[in-house]
Amino acid sequence: MKQLTTINPYLEKNIKTYHYDDISKVDKRLMILHKSQKNWANTSLESRATLILKLSSALRENVHFLAKLMTDEMGKPITQSRAEVYKCADACEFFAKQSPALVHNILQASGAPKNIHLSPIGVVFIIMPWNFPLWQVIRATVPALLMGNTIILKHSPNTTGCALAFEKLLSKIHPHLLKFTIADNTLASKIIAHPIVQAVSLTGSTKAGRSVASLSGQHIKKSVLELGGSDPYIVFPDADIQKAAQLCAQSRLINSGQSCIAAKRFLLHKEIYSEFKQHLIEAFEKQRTGNPRLEETTIGPLARKDLAKNLRLQVSKSLRQGAKLAYEQELQMEKGYFYPMQILEKVKPGNIAFEEELFGPVAALASFKTDDEALRLANLSIYGLGAALYTNNTKRIERFQQELETGSIFINDFVKSQSHLPFGGIKASGYGRELGLFGLMEFTNIKTVVRS
């Protein structure tokens, strides 16, 4: 039987071995979810919200166990792991308390609330990545559950323990709302095609998104895709340059640089280029790289050995294509899948560092002279997930928020996902939205009812 083994990326030691499921096991779980979903859909939204509120409490009660598990499986610094668990608990609390009012308001805004009935789609297949093992799951599952759906979950193999822990936590509150499956790509394709499954939500790479979109389309099933990003962070002379550099460094290095909405391409006005670069280097040098279980650590190892190898290849190609190394951290680690913090400059269109997503602690600097050039460079990407703008010019802000091709724009701050706001991208960064009111609506059948 096919197996997988989770590996601690800091110790480079095996954690646990698991067996992959087969279609017969998945069939049984889907039948349970299908039956449970019918009963779940017949409960009130308020009753469902009460259970989600219990999930919030359970997350808080188990924060230290969950954080340690997350850190051991994918290397996230322990302080960030705890913060992720608390963020998940906050999201559950937000949706539990606000969903009834949000749904009521959308029905009232429709102009014909008596003619509209919101019903669930059914069983939703959710495919999640390793970089935020709990937050990604929460933001996809909780809105779907609140609207009456049930969930079959496939997680990334290297965070299998986190997925099992979440399933166990939720099953104590309600035994048949979510079932986890250890599935390879072949089995995942069969799950998408399964007649019980009615929709798919994927957070992952653009390559994975193309595959899931194709399969979902073949079977005429709705899909929501949250994919890669190469977020431009645009800095103008009228900004607070030191503060902008600190925020940009925080965004680039959070989760050891492994975030789809991390700052990736730094577009700097030529007048402040040198000043910003110096502040950015200073911010990088204040980081503490090391054992992710230690409180003082801010940068841990990358989650897998292959990820570090691929990032090294991308940077090497970028340097051969003309980029220059402005800064490189000196690493002296005897073990662990660590990658040194780096700052690349003279990065231009056509360069790997400009064109591709660098998933790790590497910043890419480019310069511009005019607003038009900044917009052109920002939009010159296959991605469109997030963007940040550092300026205090009101007219510029109004123009850029209209013309930037992206799913979210943060002004004088770094991009982040928040429970009350819709999250998602355009272009090769995907489609559909998670979180907020729009996240609640994604897996809902908006049914028109007319009585004569």
Protein backbone atom coordinates (compact mmCIF):
# COMPACT_ATOMS: atom_id res chain seq x y z
CA MET A 1 0.00 0.00 0.00
CA LYS A 2 1.29 3.44 -0.93
CA GLN A 3 2.65 5.46 1.99
CA LEU A 4 3.80 8.95 2.88
CA THR A 5 6.06 10.09 5.70
CA THR A 6 5.97 13.52 7.27
CA ILE A 7 9.40 15.05 7.95
CA ASN A 8 10.47 17.69 10.44
CA PRO A 9 12.20 20.29 8.20
CA TYR A 10 14.40 21.56 11.02
CA LEU A 11 15.62 18.23 12.35
CA GLU A 12 15.40 16.48 8.95
CA LYS A 13 13.89 13.53 10.78
CA ASN A 14 10.79 11.46 10.04
CA ILE A 15 7.75 12.24 12.17
CA LYS A 16 5.15 9.67 11.17
CA THR A 17 4.20 7.38 8.28
CA TYR A 18 0.66 7.20 6.90
CA HIS A 19 -1.10 5.03 4.32
CA TYR A 20 -2.85 6.63 1.37
CA ASP A 21 -6.58 5.96 1.11
CA ASP A 22 -8.23 4.09 -1.74
CA ILE A 23 -11.48 4.90 -3.49
CA SER A 24 -13.48 2.42 -1.42
CA LYS A 25 -12.62 4.28 1.80
CA VAL A 26 -13.44 7.59 0.17
CA ASP A 27 -16.79 6.21 -1.07
CA LYS A 28 -17.77 5.33 2.50
CA ARG A 29 -16.78 8.74 3.81
CA LEU A 30 -18.63 10.52 1.02
CA MET A 31 -21.79 8.52 1.72
CA ILE A 32 -21.59 9.53 5.39
CA LEU A 33 -21.04 13.18 4.44
CA HIS A 34 -23.90 13.06 1.92
CA LYS A 35 -26.34 11.74 4.50
CA SER A 36 -25.10 14.12 7.17
CA GLN A 37 -25.35 17.09 4.82
CA LYS A 38 -29.09 16.60 4.36
CA ASN A 39 -29.64 16.82 8.11
CA TRP A 40 -27.14 19.66 8.51
CA ALA A 41 -28.88 21.69 5.81
CA ASN A 42 -32.19 21.37 7.66
CA THR A 43 -30.80 23.00 10.80
CA SER A 44 -31.00 26.76 11.14
CA LEU A 45 -28.07 29.03 10.37
CA GLU A 46 -28.14 30.11 14.00
CA SER A 47 -27.76 26.48 15.15
CA ARG A 48 -24.83 25.94 12.79
CA ALA A 49 -23.25 29.14 14.08
CA THR A 50 -23.46 27.82 17.64
CA LEU A 51 -21.36 24.80 16.65
CA ILE A 52 -18.79 26.97 14.87
CA LEU A 53 -18.53 29.05 18.03
CA LYS A 54 -17.66 25.83 19.88
CA LEU A 55 -14.94 25.21 17.30
CA SER A 56 -13.49 28.62 18.12
CA SER A 57 -13.27 27.66 21.79
CA ALA A 58 -11.73 24.28 20.96
CA LEU A 59 -9.01 25.95 18.91
CA ARG A 60 -8.12 28.27 21.76
CA GLU A 61 -8.05 25.40 24.24
CA ASN A 62 -5.67 23.41 22.02
CA VAL A 63 -3.49 26.28 20.81
CA HIS A 64 -0.20 24.97 22.20
CA PHE A 65 -0.66 21.44 20.86
CA LEU A 66 -1.71 22.67 17.42
CA ALA A 67 1.07 25.26 17.22
CA LYS A 68 3.75 22.73 18.11
CA LEU A 69 2.39 20.27 15.55
CA MET A 70 2.40 22.95 12.86
CA THR A 71 5.96 23.99 13.69
CA ASP A 72 7.21 20.41 13.67
CA GLU A 73 5.55 19.51 10.36
CA MET A 74 6.39 22.56 8.25
CA GLY A 75 8.90 24.66 10.18
CA LYS A 76 6.83 27.73 10.97
CA PRO A 77 8.32 29.73 13.88
CA ILE A 78 6.35 28.85 17.02
CA THR A 79 5.17 32.40 17.71
CA GLN A 80 3.67 32.55 14.20
CA SER A 81 2.11 29.11 14.66
CA ARG A 82 0.32 30.24 17.81
CA ALA A 83 -0.79 33.42 16.06
CA GLU A 84 -2.23 31.30 13.23
CA VAL A 85 -4.30 29.20 15.64
CA TYR A 86 -5.65 32.32 17.35
CA LYS A 87 -6.46 33.84 13.95
CA CYS A 88 -8.45 30.70 13.12
CA ALA A 89 -10.34 30.96 16.40
CA ASP A 90 -11.10 34.63 15.73
CA ALA A 91 -12.40 33.77 12.26
CA CYS A 92 -14.72 31.11 13.63
CA GLU A 93 -16.04 33.59 16.18
CA PHE A 94 -16.53 36.27 13.54
CA PHE A 95 -18.47 34.03 11.17
CA ALA A 96 -20.51 32.45 13.96
CA LYS A 97 -21.62 35.84 15.25
CA GLN A 98 -21.94 37.75 11.97
CA SER A 99 -23.21 35.23 9.41
CA PRO A 100 -26.93 35.48 10.29
CA ALA A 101 -26.83 39.26 9.91
CA LEU A 102 -24.74 39.09 6.72
CA VAL A 103 -27.16 36.66 5.10
CA HIS A 104 -30.16 38.72 6.22
CA ASN A 105 -28.63 41.88 4.76
CA ILE A 106 -27.87 40.29 1.39
CA LEU A 107 -31.45 39.02 1.13
CA GLN A 108 -32.83 42.44 1.99
CA ALA A 109 -30.51 44.11 -0.52
CA SER A 110 -31.80 41.81 -3.26
CA GLY A 111 -35.07 43.75 -3.38
CA ALA A 112 -37.12 40.56 -3.27
CA PRO A 113 -36.13 38.69 -0.09
CA LYS A 114 -39.32 36.58 -0.06
CA ASN A 115 -38.46 35.25 -3.52
CA ILE A 116 -34.91 34.15 -2.71
CA HIS A 117 -33.90 31.08 -0.76
CA LEU A 118 -30.27 30.32 -0.01
CA SER A 119 -29.54 26.61 0.09
CA PRO A 120 -26.26 24.66 0.26
CA ILE A 121 -24.67 22.97 -2.75
CA GLY A 122 -23.91 19.72 -0.92
CA VAL A 123 -20.58 18.03 -0.32
CA VAL A 124 -17.58 20.25 -1.15
CA PHE A 125 -14.11 18.90 -1.89
CA ILE A 126 -11.49 21.18 -0.35
CA ILE A 127 -7.80 20.83 -1.30
CA MET A 128 -5.45 22.76 0.96
CA PRO A 129 -1.68 23.56 1.02
CA TRP A 130 0.94 23.25 3.74
CA ASN A 131 2.06 26.85 4.31
CA PHE A 132 -0.81 27.87 6.61
CA PRO A 133 -2.02 24.41 7.62
CA LEU A 134 -4.96 25.55 9.77
CA TRP A 135 -5.80 29.02 8.49
CA GLN A 136 -6.23 27.86 4.90
CA VAL A 137 -8.57 25.09 6.06
CA ILE A 138 -10.60 27.36 8.33
CA ARG A 139 -11.18 30.10 5.79
CA ALA A 140 -12.37 27.59 3.18
CA THR A 141 -14.41 25.27 5.38
CA VAL A 142 -16.14 27.49 7.94
CA PRO A 143 -18.18 29.61 5.48
CA ALA A 144 -19.14 26.47 3.54
CA LEU A 145 -20.20 24.67 6.71
CA LEU A 146 -22.22 27.63 7.94
CA MET A 147 -24.22 27.65 4.72
CA GLY A 148 -25.15 23.98 5.17
CA ASN A 149 -22.50 22.10 3.21
CA THR A 150 -20.28 19.27 4.42
CA ILE A 151 -16.59 18.83 3.57
CA ILE A 152 -14.22 16.21 2.21
CA LEU A 153 -10.72 17.53 2.88
CA LYS A 154 -7.44 16.71 1.15
CA HIS A 155 -4.44 18.39 2.74
CA SER A 156 -0.82 18.62 1.64
CA PRO A 157 1.04 15.36 2.49
CA ASN A 158 3.68 17.06 4.65
CA THR A 159 1.02 18.49 7.01
CA THR A 160 -1.06 15.34 7.35
CA GLY A 161 -0.82 15.49 11.14
CA CYS A 162 -2.33 18.99 11.20
CA ALA A 163 -5.24 17.84 9.02
CA LEU A 164 -5.95 14.85 11.24
CA ALA A 165 -5.80 17.02 14.35
CA PHE A 166 -8.32 19.45 12.86
CA GLU A 167 -10.64 16.62 11.81
CA LYS A 168 -10.53 15.19 15.33
CA LEU A 169 -11.20 18.60 16.89
CA LEU A 170 -14.26 19.22 14.71
CA SER A 171 -15.57 15.65 15.04
CA LYS A 172 -15.87 16.11 18.80
CA ILE A 173 -18.27 18.96 18.11
CA HIS A 174 -20.12 17.23 15.26
CA PRO A 175 -18.97 13.79 14.02
CA HIS A 176 -19.90 14.00 10.35
CA LEU A 177 -19.36 17.51 9.01
CA LEU A 178 -15.83 16.98 7.70
CA LYS A 179 -13.84 13.91 6.69
CA PHE A 180 -10.15 13.97 5.88
CA THR A 181 -8.67 11.79 3.16
CA ILE A 182 -5.02 11.03 2.48
CA ALA A 183 -5.22 11.16 -1.29
CA ASP A 184 -2.70 11.27 -4.11
CA ASN A 185 -3.43 13.16 -7.33
CA THR A 186 -5.06 10.15 -8.98
CA LEU A 187 -7.50 9.68 -6.12
CA ALA A 188 -8.12 13.44 -5.95
CA SER A 189 -9.20 13.34 -9.60
CA LYS A 190 -11.65 10.56 -8.79
CA ILE A 191 -13.06 12.57 -5.90
CA ILE A 192 -13.67 15.57 -8.15
CA ALA A 193 -15.51 13.29 -10.57
CA HIS A 194 -17.52 11.57 -7.83
CA PRO A 195 -21.28 12.17 -8.20
CA ILE A 196 -21.68 13.08 -4.52
CA VAL A 197 -19.14 15.91 -4.72
CA GLN A 198 -20.75 19.11 -5.98
CA ALA A 199 -17.94 21.68 -5.86
CA VAL A 200 -14.20 22.07 -5.36
CA SER A 201 -12.06 24.66 -3.57
CA LEU A 202 -8.30 24.64 -4.08
CA THR A 203 -5.55 26.73 -2.57
CA GLY A 204 -2.27 25.88 -4.24
CA SER A 205 -0.04 26.47 -7.23
CA THR A 206 -1.20 27.81 -10.58
CA LYS A 207 -0.27 24.45 -12.12
CA ALA A 208 -2.55 22.63 -9.67
CA GLY A 209 -5.26 25.21 -10.32
CA ARG A 210 -5.23 24.53 -14.05
CA SER A 211 -5.65 20.82 -13.40
CA VAL A 212 -8.49 21.25 -10.91
CA ALA A 213 -10.25 23.82 -13.09
CA SER A 214 -10.06 21.46 -16.06
CA LEU A 215 -11.42 18.48 -14.13
CA SER A 216 -14.15 20.55 -12.47
CA GLY A 217 -15.16 21.93 -15.84
CA GLN A 218 -15.37 18.47 -17.37
CA HIS A 219 -17.83 17.46 -14.66
CA ILE A 220 -19.63 20.83 -14.59
CA LYS A 221 -18.82 21.52 -10.96
CA LYS A 222 -18.16 24.89 -9.45
CA SER A 223 -14.61 25.60 -8.36
CA VAL A 224 -12.90 28.31 -6.33
CA LEU A 225 -9.17 28.71 -6.92
CA GLU A 226 -6.75 30.65 -4.74
CA LEU A 227 -3.41 30.25 -6.48
CA GLY A 228 0.04 31.78 -6.63
CA GLY A 229 1.00 35.41 -6.52
CA SER A 230 3.84 37.78 -7.33
CA ASP A 231 2.59 40.77 -5.40
CA PRO A 232 4.03 44.17 -6.37
CA TYR A 233 4.82 46.56 -3.52
CA ILE A 234 5.11 50.08 -4.95
CA VAL A 235 6.91 52.78 -2.96
CA PHE A 236 6.83 56.51 -3.78
CA PRO A 237 8.98 59.35 -2.38
CA ASP A 238 6.11 60.87 -0.36
CA ALA A 239 5.80 57.73 1.78
CA ASP A 240 7.49 57.15 5.13
CA ILE A 241 10.38 55.20 3.57
CA GLN A 242 11.73 53.60 6.74
CA LYS A 243 8.29 52.44 7.86
CA ALA A 244 7.50 51.18 4.33
CA ALA A 245 10.72 49.15 4.30
CA GLN A 246 9.91 47.62 7.68
CA LEU A 247 6.41 46.65 6.57
CA CYS A 248 7.75 45.29 3.28
CA ALA A 249 10.34 43.20 5.12
CA GLN A 250 7.65 41.83 7.42
CA SER A 251 5.50 40.88 4.47
CA ARG A 252 8.37 39.31 2.53
CA LEU A 253 9.63 37.25 5.48
CA ILE A 254 6.45 36.13 7.23
CA ASN A 255 6.25 32.33 7.36
CA SER A 256 9.91 32.30 6.24
CA GLY A 257 8.81 33.87 2.96
CA GLN A 258 6.35 31.09 2.15
CA SER A 259 3.14 33.02 1.58
CA CYS A 260 1.16 33.54 -1.61
CA ILE A 261 0.43 37.15 -0.59
CA ALA A 262 3.92 37.99 0.59
CA ALA A 263 5.65 40.98 -0.98
CA LYS A 264 7.47 39.58 -4.00
CA ARG A 265 8.35 42.42 -6.40
CA PHE A 266 9.48 45.70 -4.84
CA LEU A 267 8.90 48.56 -7.29
CA LEU A 268 10.77 51.59 -5.99
CA HIS A 269 10.81 55.16 -7.26
CA LYS A 270 14.36 56.00 -8.37
CA GLU A 271 14.56 58.91 -5.87
CA ILE A 272 14.19 56.65 -2.85
CA TYR A 273 15.66 53.42 -4.24
CA SER A 274 18.94 53.51 -2.30
CA GLU A 275 17.34 54.70 0.91
CA PHE A 276 14.69 51.98 0.81
CA LYS A 277 17.24 49.28 0.00
CA GLN A 278 19.35 50.23 3.01
CA HIS A 279 16.35 50.19 5.34
CA LEU A 280 15.27 46.84 3.90
CA ILE A 281 18.71 45.33 4.52
CA GLU A 282 18.63 46.64 8.09
CA ALA A 283 15.21 45.04 8.61
CA PHE A 284 16.46 41.72 7.22
CA GLU A 285 19.50 41.79 9.49
CA LYS A 286 17.29 42.11 12.59
CA GLN A 287 15.70 38.70 11.91
CA ARG A 288 16.64 35.65 13.93
CA THR A 289 17.03 32.44 11.93
CA GLY A 290 17.11 29.10 13.71
CA ASN A 291 15.17 26.49 15.64
CA PRO A 292 11.50 27.24 14.94
CA ARG A 293 10.50 26.02 18.40
CA LEU A 294 12.40 28.87 20.07
CA GLU A 295 10.45 32.01 20.95
CA GLU A 296 13.11 34.36 19.54
CA THR A 297 13.19 32.71 16.10
CA THR A 298 11.54 34.72 13.31
CA ILE A 299 12.81 32.73 10.30
CA GLY A 300 12.62 28.95 10.23
CA PRO A 301 13.55 26.40 7.58
CA LEU A 302 11.61 26.01 4.38
CA ALA A 303 8.97 23.33 4.64
CA ARG A 304 10.61 20.75 2.36
CA LYS A 305 14.01 20.02 0.88
CA ASP A 306 12.71 20.25 -2.68
CA LEU A 307 11.35 23.74 -2.04
CA ALA A 308 14.78 25.00 -0.97
CA LYS A 309 16.37 23.36 -4.02
CA ASN A 310 13.86 24.92 -6.42
CA LEU A 311 14.27 28.39 -4.91
CA ARG A 312 18.06 28.08 -5.25
CA LEU A 313 17.64 27.24 -8.94
CA GLN A 314 15.33 30.22 -9.50
CA VAL A 315 17.77 32.64 -7.88
CA SER A 316 20.72 31.19 -9.82
CA LYS A 317 18.86 31.66 -13.10
CA SER A 318 17.87 35.20 -12.09
CA LEU A 319 21.51 36.09 -11.45
CA ARG A 320 22.58 34.64 -14.79
CA GLN A 321 19.86 36.74 -16.44
CA GLY A 322 21.31 39.99 -15.06
CA ALA A 323 19.99 40.40 -11.53
CA LYS A 324 22.53 41.37 -8.89
CA LEU A 325 22.84 40.17 -5.31
CA ALA A 326 22.43 43.21 -3.05
CA TYR A 327 22.32 41.24 0.19
CA GLU A 328 22.77 37.64 1.33
CA GLN A 329 22.52 36.32 4.86
CA GLU A 330 25.40 34.25 6.18
CA LEU A 331 23.92 30.94 7.28
CA GLN A 332 25.79 28.48 9.44
CA MET A 333 23.23 25.74 9.99
CA GLU A 334 24.34 22.14 10.36
CA LYS A 335 20.87 20.80 9.66
CA GLY A 336 17.49 21.88 8.39
CA TYR A 337 16.08 22.99 5.03
CA PHE A 338 17.19 26.58 5.53
CA TYR A 339 17.55 29.11 2.76
CA PRO A 340 19.44 32.40 3.30
CA MET A 341 17.58 35.70 3.18
CA GLN A 342 18.52 37.46 -0.05
CA ILE A 343 17.81 40.74 -1.79
CA LEU A 344 18.12 40.84 -5.58
CA GLU A 345 18.30 44.10 -7.49
CA LYS A 346 18.35 45.17 -11.14
CA VAL A 347 15.42 42.80 -11.62
CA LYS A 348 13.62 43.51 -14.89
CA PRO A 349 10.79 41.99 -16.93
CA GLY A 350 11.97 38.72 -18.43
CA ASN A 351 14.00 37.85 -15.37
CA ILE A 352 12.89 34.77 -13.40
CA ALA A 353 12.69 36.85 -10.20
CA PHE A 354 10.26 39.22 -11.92
CA GLU A 355 8.20 36.64 -13.80
CA GLU A 356 7.87 33.75 -11.33
CA GLU A 357 6.78 33.43 -7.73
CA LEU A 358 9.77 33.06 -5.39
CA PHE A 359 8.45 31.08 -2.43
CA GLY A 360 11.01 31.87 0.25
CA PRO A 361 12.92 34.75 1.91
CA VAL A 362 14.08 36.45 -1.31
CA ALA A 363 13.17 40.03 -2.28
CA ALA A 364 13.38 41.34 -5.85
CA LEU A 365 13.99 45.07 -6.37
CA ALA A 366 13.18 47.09 -9.49
CA SER A 367 12.99 50.85 -10.07
CA PHE A 368 10.66 53.20 -11.92
CA LYS A 369 10.53 56.90 -12.77
CA THR A 370 6.84 57.70 -13.35
CA ASP A 371 3.40 56.61 -12.19
CA ASP A 372 2.70 55.19 -15.64
CA GLU A 373 5.84 53.06 -15.50
CA ALA A 374 5.00 51.83 -12.00
CA LEU A 375 1.55 50.72 -13.13
CA ARG A 376 2.94 49.04 -16.23
CA LEU A 377 5.52 47.08 -14.24
CA ALA A 378 3.02 46.15 -11.52
CA ASN A 379 0.52 44.77 -14.03
CA LEU A 380 3.19 43.08 -16.17
CA SER A 381 2.57 39.73 -14.53
CA ILE A 382 0.49 36.63 -15.09
CA TYR A 383 -0.56 36.93 -11.43
CA GLY A 384 -3.09 39.20 -9.77
CA LEU A 385 -3.49 38.29 -6.12
CA GLY A 386 -2.46 41.29 -4.04
CA ALA A 387 -0.61 44.60 -4.21
CA ALA A 388 0.56 47.25 -1.77
CA LEU A 389 0.96 50.96 -2.42
CA TYR A 390 3.05 53.28 -0.26
CA THR A 391 2.11 56.90 -0.88
CA ASN A 392 0.05 59.71 0.66
CA ASN A 393 -1.05 61.21 -2.66
CA THR A 394 -4.86 60.92 -2.79
CA LYS A 395 -5.15 61.22 -6.56
CA ARG A 396 -2.45 58.59 -7.06
CA ILE A 397 -4.21 56.24 -4.66
CA GLU A 398 -7.51 56.67 -6.50
CA ARG A 399 -5.85 55.95 -9.84
CA PHE A 400 -3.87 52.93 -8.68
CA GLN A 401 -6.76 51.27 -6.87
CA GLN A 402 -8.70 51.54 -10.12
CA GLU A 403 -5.96 50.39 -12.50
CA LEU A 404 -3.95 47.80 -10.56
CA GLU A 405 -4.88 44.33 -11.80
CA THR A 406 -5.21 42.47 -8.54
CA GLY A 407 -7.66 41.00 -6.05
CA SER A 408 -6.68 43.26 -3.14
CA ILE A 409 -4.78 46.48 -2.58
CA PHE A 410 -3.40 47.67 0.75
CA ILE A 411 -2.42 51.31 1.13
CA ASN A 412 0.61 51.99 3.37
CA ASP A 413 0.39 48.49 4.80
CA PHE A 414 1.14 44.94 3.70
CA VAL A 415 -1.39 42.56 2.16
CA LYS A 416 -3.16 40.20 4.57
CA SER A 417 -6.26 38.03 4.66
CA GLN A 418 -8.96 39.17 7.08
CA SER A 419 -12.16 37.40 8.10
CA HIS A 420 -14.52 40.26 7.25
CA LEU A 421 -13.06 41.01 3.80
CA PRO A 422 -13.27 38.94 0.60
CA PHE A 423 -10.00 37.32 -0.41
CA GLY A 424 -8.92 36.00 -3.81
CA GLY A 425 -7.28 36.93 -7.07
CA ILE A 426 -7.60 37.33 -10.82
CA LYS A 427 -5.60 36.15 -13.83
CA ALA A 428 -3.32 33.19 -12.99
CA SER A 429 -3.95 33.81 -9.28
CA GLY A 430 -7.35 32.19 -9.60
CA TYR A 431 -11.01 33.11 -9.24
CA GLY A 432 -13.74 33.12 -6.65
CA ARG A 433 -13.53 34.53 -3.15
CA GLU A 434 -13.00 33.28 0.37
CA LEU A 435 -13.95 35.07 3.60
CA GLY A 436 -16.44 37.84 4.20
CA LEU A 437 -19.93 37.88 2.72
CA PHE A 438 -18.66 36.77 -0.69
CA GLY A 439 -16.99 33.73 0.86
CA LEU A 440 -20.32 32.72 2.40
CA MET A 441 -22.01 32.93 -0.98
CA GLU A 442 -19.50 30.87 -3.00
CA PHE A 443 -20.98 27.44 -2.19
CA THR A 444 -24.58 28.53 -1.95
CA ASN A 445 -27.42 27.85 -4.34
CA ILE A 446 -29.26 31.14 -4.77
CA LYS A 447 -32.71 29.75 -5.43
CA THR A 448 -35.58 31.86 -6.79
CA VAL A 449 -38.99 30.97 -5.36
CA VAL A 450 -42.16 32.51 -6.81
CA ARG A 451 -45.67 31.77 -5.58
CA SER A 452 -48.66 32.60 -7.75
